[in-house]
């Protein structure tokens, strides 16, 4: 099953010098070598976002993210896992689980409506 893993940072969090969090390069290497991580990228800050809506056939653009949130999306990964338990295990090893928030969303299977 595929999962979208949203990697979010908490700008207010002040991590300790040695809080035990793994290095992101180690996480990437491990998940790539296990073929769990299919793709992953950093994204530009929300201030660089453009939000697109169509209302009454008019395209409406807004500079910035759709919603004001405390946690900011810093990147994403697409994971291929056997089930949610494996996806949780993978996410818990990511450094941002220690310093921010990881959100997992299963992909909607193509054969389901």
N, C-alpha and C. Protein backbone atom coordinates (compact mmCIF):
# COMPACT_ATOMS: atom_id res chain seq x y z
N UNK A 1 0.84 -1.17 0.00
CA UNK A 1 0.00 0.00 0.00
C UNK A 1 0.89 1.24 0.00
N UNK A 2 0.49 2.23 -0.79
CA UNK A 2 1.27 3.46 -0.85
C UNK A 2 0.73 4.48 0.15
N UNK A 3 1.67 5.23 0.74
CA UNK A 3 1.34 6.29 1.68
C UNK A 3 2.07 7.56 1.30
N UNK A 4 1.36 8.68 1.43
CA UNK A 4 2.00 9.98 1.34
C UNK A 4 2.40 10.35 2.75
N UNK A 5 3.67 10.64 2.94
CA UNK A 5 4.18 11.04 4.25
C UNK A 5 4.51 12.52 4.17
N UNK A 6 3.70 13.35 4.81
CA UNK A 6 3.96 14.78 4.86
C UNK A 6 4.89 15.06 6.04
N UNK A 7 5.97 15.72 5.76
CA UNK A 7 6.98 16.04 6.76
C UNK A 7 6.79 17.50 7.15
N UNK A 8 6.43 17.73 8.41
CA UNK A 8 6.11 19.08 8.88
C UNK A 8 7.04 19.48 10.02
N UNK A 9 7.40 20.75 10.03
CA UNK A 9 8.24 21.26 11.10
C UNK A 9 7.42 22.15 12.01
N UNK A 10 7.80 22.18 13.26
CA UNK A 10 7.20 23.07 14.24
C UNK A 10 8.18 24.20 14.46
N UNK A 11 7.91 25.39 13.94
CA UNK A 11 8.88 26.48 14.03
C UNK A 11 9.16 26.93 15.46
N UNK A 12 8.28 26.57 16.40
CA UNK A 12 8.47 26.98 17.79
C UNK A 12 9.32 26.00 18.60
N UNK A 13 9.54 24.80 18.06
CA UNK A 13 10.27 23.77 18.80
C UNK A 13 11.76 24.09 18.83
N UNK A 14 12.34 24.02 19.98
CA UNK A 14 13.77 24.22 20.16
C UNK A 14 14.38 22.88 20.56
N UNK A 15 14.82 22.05 19.59
CA UNK A 15 15.37 20.74 19.93
C UNK A 15 16.66 20.87 20.72
N UNK A 16 16.86 19.90 21.60
CA UNK A 16 18.10 19.87 22.37
C UNK A 16 19.26 19.48 21.48
N UNK A 17 20.46 19.71 21.98
CA UNK A 17 21.66 19.39 21.19
C UNK A 17 21.75 17.91 20.88
N UNK A 18 21.45 17.07 21.87
CA UNK A 18 21.53 15.63 21.66
C UNK A 18 20.24 15.00 22.15
N UNK A 19 19.20 15.13 21.32
CA UNK A 19 17.90 14.58 21.72
C UNK A 19 17.72 13.15 21.22
N UNK A 20 18.73 12.59 20.57
CA UNK A 20 18.66 11.21 20.11
C UNK A 20 18.02 11.03 18.75
N UNK A 21 17.62 12.11 18.10
CA UNK A 21 16.99 12.00 16.79
C UNK A 21 17.99 11.50 15.76
N UNK A 22 17.55 10.62 14.87
CA UNK A 22 18.44 10.14 13.82
C UNK A 22 18.74 11.23 12.80
N UNK A 23 19.77 11.03 12.01
CA UNK A 23 20.11 11.96 10.92
C UNK A 23 19.22 11.64 9.72
N UNK A 24 18.76 12.66 9.02
CA UNK A 24 17.87 12.45 7.89
C UNK A 24 18.56 11.66 6.78
N UNK A 25 19.85 11.89 6.55
CA UNK A 25 20.57 11.13 5.51
C UNK A 25 20.59 9.64 5.83
N UNK A 26 20.70 9.29 7.11
CA UNK A 26 20.67 7.88 7.50
C UNK A 26 19.29 7.28 7.22
N UNK A 27 18.24 8.04 7.55
CA UNK A 27 16.87 7.57 7.30
C UNK A 27 16.65 7.36 5.81
N UNK A 28 17.04 8.33 5.00
CA UNK A 28 16.86 8.23 3.54
C UNK A 28 17.60 7.01 3.01
N UNK A 29 18.85 6.82 3.42
CA UNK A 29 19.63 5.68 2.94
C UNK A 29 18.95 4.36 3.32
N UNK A 30 18.50 4.24 4.56
CA UNK A 30 17.86 3.00 5.01
C UNK A 30 16.58 2.71 4.22
N UNK A 31 15.74 3.72 4.07
CA UNK A 31 14.45 3.50 3.39
C UNK A 31 14.63 3.30 1.89
N UNK A 32 15.60 3.98 1.30
CA UNK A 32 15.90 3.75 -0.12
C UNK A 32 16.44 2.35 -0.34
N UNK A 33 17.33 1.91 0.55
CA UNK A 33 17.92 0.58 0.37
C UNK A 33 16.89 -0.53 0.56
N UNK A 34 15.86 -0.28 1.36
CA UNK A 34 14.77 -1.25 1.55
C UNK A 34 13.67 -1.09 0.50
N UNK A 35 13.82 -0.11 -0.38
CA UNK A 35 12.84 0.19 -1.43
C UNK A 35 11.47 0.54 -0.85
N UNK A 36 11.47 1.14 0.33
CA UNK A 36 10.24 1.61 0.96
C UNK A 36 9.94 3.03 0.48
N UNK A 37 10.95 3.85 0.42
CA UNK A 37 10.81 5.25 0.00
C UNK A 37 10.89 5.29 -1.52
N UNK A 38 9.78 5.62 -2.17
CA UNK A 38 9.74 5.65 -3.63
C UNK A 38 10.21 6.98 -4.18
N UNK A 39 9.88 8.06 -3.50
CA UNK A 39 10.29 9.40 -3.88
C UNK A 39 10.18 10.29 -2.65
N UNK A 40 10.97 11.31 -2.62
CA UNK A 40 10.89 12.27 -1.53
C UNK A 40 11.60 13.55 -1.92
N UNK A 41 11.04 14.67 -1.53
CA UNK A 41 11.63 15.96 -1.86
C UNK A 41 11.31 16.98 -0.78
N UNK A 42 12.17 17.96 -0.66
CA UNK A 42 11.87 19.12 0.15
C UNK A 42 10.97 20.03 -0.67
N UNK A 43 10.21 20.87 -0.01
CA UNK A 43 9.39 21.84 -0.72
C UNK A 43 9.72 23.24 -0.21
N UNK A 44 9.46 24.23 -1.06
CA UNK A 44 9.69 25.62 -0.70
C UNK A 44 8.73 26.00 0.43
N UNK A 45 9.02 27.05 1.18
CA UNK A 45 8.15 27.45 2.30
C UNK A 45 6.76 27.87 1.83
N UNK A 46 5.81 27.86 2.76
CA UNK A 46 4.44 28.24 2.45
C UNK A 46 4.32 29.62 1.86
N UNK A 47 5.25 30.50 2.18
CA UNK A 47 5.21 31.85 1.62
C UNK A 47 5.40 31.85 0.11
N UNK A 48 5.95 30.76 -0.44
CA UNK A 48 6.13 30.63 -1.89
C UNK A 48 4.97 29.88 -2.56
N UNK A 49 3.98 29.48 -1.77
CA UNK A 49 2.86 28.71 -2.31
C UNK A 49 1.89 29.61 -3.07
N UNK A 50 1.17 29.01 -4.00
CA UNK A 50 0.06 29.64 -4.69
C UNK A 50 -1.14 28.72 -4.53
N UNK A 51 -2.22 29.25 -4.01
CA UNK A 51 -3.44 28.47 -3.81
C UNK A 51 -4.39 28.79 -4.96
N UNK A 52 -4.96 27.74 -5.58
CA UNK A 52 -5.83 27.89 -6.73
C UNK A 52 -7.23 27.39 -6.37
N UNK A 53 -8.22 28.22 -6.64
CA UNK A 53 -9.62 27.84 -6.46
C UNK A 53 -10.39 28.30 -7.70
N UNK A 54 -11.44 27.59 -8.04
CA UNK A 54 -12.35 28.04 -9.09
C UNK A 54 -13.72 28.18 -8.44
N UNK A 55 -14.26 29.39 -8.49
CA UNK A 55 -15.58 29.69 -7.94
C UNK A 55 -16.37 30.44 -9.00
N UNK A 56 -17.57 29.95 -9.29
CA UNK A 56 -18.41 30.57 -10.32
C UNK A 56 -17.65 30.74 -11.64
N UNK A 57 -16.86 29.71 -11.97
CA UNK A 57 -16.08 29.65 -13.21
C UNK A 57 -14.94 30.67 -13.28
N UNK A 58 -14.63 31.28 -12.15
CA UNK A 58 -13.53 32.24 -12.09
C UNK A 58 -12.38 31.62 -11.31
N UNK A 59 -11.18 31.72 -11.87
CA UNK A 59 -9.98 31.21 -11.19
C UNK A 59 -9.53 32.25 -10.18
N UNK A 60 -9.45 31.84 -8.93
CA UNK A 60 -9.03 32.71 -7.84
C UNK A 60 -7.68 32.23 -7.33
N UNK A 61 -6.72 33.12 -7.27
CA UNK A 61 -5.38 32.79 -6.80
C UNK A 61 -5.10 33.53 -5.50
N UNK A 62 -4.44 32.83 -4.60
CA UNK A 62 -4.02 33.42 -3.33
C UNK A 62 -2.55 33.09 -3.14
N UNK A 63 -1.76 34.10 -2.80
CA UNK A 63 -0.36 33.86 -2.46
C UNK A 63 -0.32 33.25 -1.07
N UNK A 64 0.47 32.21 -0.93
CA UNK A 64 0.62 31.57 0.37
C UNK A 64 -0.19 30.29 0.47
N UNK A 65 -0.06 29.61 1.60
CA UNK A 65 -0.71 28.31 1.78
C UNK A 65 -2.22 28.45 1.95
N UNK A 66 -2.92 27.34 1.77
CA UNK A 66 -4.38 27.29 1.88
C UNK A 66 -4.83 27.63 3.29
N UNK A 67 -4.16 27.07 4.27
CA UNK A 67 -4.58 27.25 5.66
C UNK A 67 -3.43 27.76 6.50
N UNK A 68 -3.76 28.57 7.46
CA UNK A 68 -2.76 29.01 8.43
C UNK A 68 -2.63 27.92 9.48
N UNK A 69 -1.47 27.36 9.57
CA UNK A 69 -1.22 26.32 10.57
C UNK A 69 0.10 26.61 11.26
N UNK A 70 0.22 26.07 12.45
CA UNK A 70 1.46 26.22 13.19
C UNK A 70 2.56 25.39 12.54
N UNK A 71 2.23 24.15 12.20
CA UNK A 71 3.21 23.26 11.59
C UNK A 71 3.30 23.57 10.10
N UNK A 72 4.50 23.59 9.56
CA UNK A 72 4.74 23.94 8.17
C UNK A 72 5.23 22.73 7.40
N UNK A 73 4.66 22.49 6.22
CA UNK A 73 5.10 21.37 5.40
C UNK A 73 6.48 21.68 4.86
N UNK A 74 7.42 20.80 5.15
CA UNK A 74 8.80 20.98 4.72
C UNK A 74 9.15 20.06 3.55
N UNK A 75 8.41 18.98 3.41
CA UNK A 75 8.69 18.03 2.35
C UNK A 75 7.71 16.88 2.39
N UNK A 76 7.97 15.90 1.54
CA UNK A 76 7.09 14.74 1.46
C UNK A 76 7.90 13.53 1.01
N UNK A 77 7.36 12.39 1.30
CA UNK A 77 7.90 11.13 0.79
C UNK A 77 6.72 10.27 0.39
N UNK A 78 6.90 9.45 -0.62
CA UNK A 78 5.92 8.44 -0.99
C UNK A 78 6.51 7.11 -0.57
N UNK A 79 5.76 6.40 0.26
CA UNK A 79 6.22 5.13 0.81
C UNK A 79 5.42 3.98 0.25
N UNK A 80 6.06 2.84 0.10
CA UNK A 80 5.38 1.59 -0.26
C UNK A 80 5.55 0.67 0.93
N UNK A 81 4.46 0.43 1.67
CA UNK A 81 4.52 -0.37 2.90
C UNK A 81 3.46 -1.46 2.84
N UNK A 82 3.70 -2.50 3.61
CA UNK A 82 2.75 -3.61 3.66
C UNK A 82 1.42 -3.17 4.25
N UNK A 83 1.49 -2.29 5.26
CA UNK A 83 0.27 -1.85 5.94
C UNK A 83 0.58 -0.60 6.76
N UNK A 84 -0.42 -0.09 7.47
CA UNK A 84 -0.26 1.12 8.26
C UNK A 84 0.77 0.93 9.36
N UNK A 85 0.82 -0.25 9.96
CA UNK A 85 1.80 -0.48 11.02
C UNK A 85 3.23 -0.28 10.51
N UNK A 86 3.54 -0.78 9.32
CA UNK A 86 4.87 -0.59 8.77
C UNK A 86 5.11 0.89 8.45
N UNK A 87 4.09 1.57 7.91
CA UNK A 87 4.23 2.99 7.61
C UNK A 87 4.50 3.80 8.88
N UNK A 88 3.84 3.45 9.96
CA UNK A 88 4.07 4.13 11.24
C UNK A 88 5.49 3.89 11.72
N UNK A 89 5.96 2.67 11.60
CA UNK A 89 7.33 2.34 12.00
C UNK A 89 8.34 3.15 11.20
N UNK A 90 8.12 3.26 9.90
CA UNK A 90 9.01 4.03 9.03
C UNK A 90 8.98 5.51 9.42
N UNK A 91 7.79 6.05 9.61
CA UNK A 91 7.64 7.47 9.97
C UNK A 91 8.28 7.78 11.32
N UNK A 92 8.16 6.87 12.26
CA UNK A 92 8.71 7.09 13.60
C UNK A 92 10.23 7.17 13.59
N UNK A 93 10.86 6.62 12.56
CA UNK A 93 12.32 6.67 12.44
C UNK A 93 12.81 7.97 11.80
N UNK A 94 11.90 8.75 11.21
CA UNK A 94 12.29 9.99 10.53
C UNK A 94 12.60 11.06 11.57
N UNK A 95 13.68 11.83 11.39
CA UNK A 95 14.05 12.87 12.37
C UNK A 95 12.94 13.88 12.65
N UNK A 96 12.09 14.17 11.68
CA UNK A 96 11.05 15.16 11.92
C UNK A 96 9.93 14.63 12.80
N UNK A 97 9.88 13.32 13.02
CA UNK A 97 8.95 12.79 14.02
C UNK A 97 9.41 13.24 15.41
N UNK A 98 10.70 13.52 15.54
CA UNK A 98 11.29 13.97 16.80
C UNK A 98 11.23 15.49 16.94
N UNK A 99 11.27 16.19 15.80
CA UNK A 99 11.37 17.65 15.82
C UNK A 99 10.15 18.35 15.26
N UNK A 100 9.19 17.61 14.78
CA UNK A 100 8.02 18.21 14.16
C UNK A 100 6.86 17.24 14.16
N UNK A 101 6.27 17.05 13.00
CA UNK A 101 5.10 16.19 12.86
C UNK A 101 5.22 15.44 11.53
N UNK A 102 4.85 14.18 11.56
CA UNK A 102 4.75 13.39 10.34
C UNK A 102 3.28 13.01 10.18
N UNK A 103 2.74 13.28 9.01
CA UNK A 103 1.36 12.88 8.72
C UNK A 103 1.39 11.83 7.63
N UNK A 104 0.71 10.72 7.86
CA UNK A 104 0.61 9.63 6.89
C UNK A 104 -0.79 9.61 6.29
N UNK A 105 -0.84 9.54 4.97
CA UNK A 105 -2.13 9.41 4.29
C UNK A 105 -2.03 8.30 3.27
N UNK A 106 -2.89 7.30 3.37
CA UNK A 106 -2.87 6.24 2.36
C UNK A 106 -3.37 6.78 1.02
N UNK A 107 -2.78 6.27 -0.05
CA UNK A 107 -3.27 6.61 -1.37
C UNK A 107 -4.62 5.91 -1.55
N UNK A 108 -5.49 6.54 -2.29
CA UNK A 108 -6.77 5.94 -2.61
C UNK A 108 -6.53 4.88 -3.68
N UNK A 109 -6.84 3.62 -3.41
CA UNK A 109 -6.60 2.58 -4.43
C UNK A 109 -7.37 2.89 -5.70
N UNK A 110 -6.74 2.65 -6.83
CA UNK A 110 -7.33 2.97 -8.14
C UNK A 110 -8.63 2.22 -8.38
N UNK A 111 -8.78 1.04 -7.80
CA UNK A 111 -9.96 0.23 -8.07
C UNK A 111 -11.13 0.55 -7.14
N UNK A 112 -10.95 1.49 -6.19
CA UNK A 112 -12.04 1.88 -5.29
C UNK A 112 -12.60 3.22 -5.70
N UNK A 113 -13.87 3.41 -5.49
CA UNK A 113 -14.51 4.71 -5.77
C UNK A 113 -14.67 5.50 -4.51
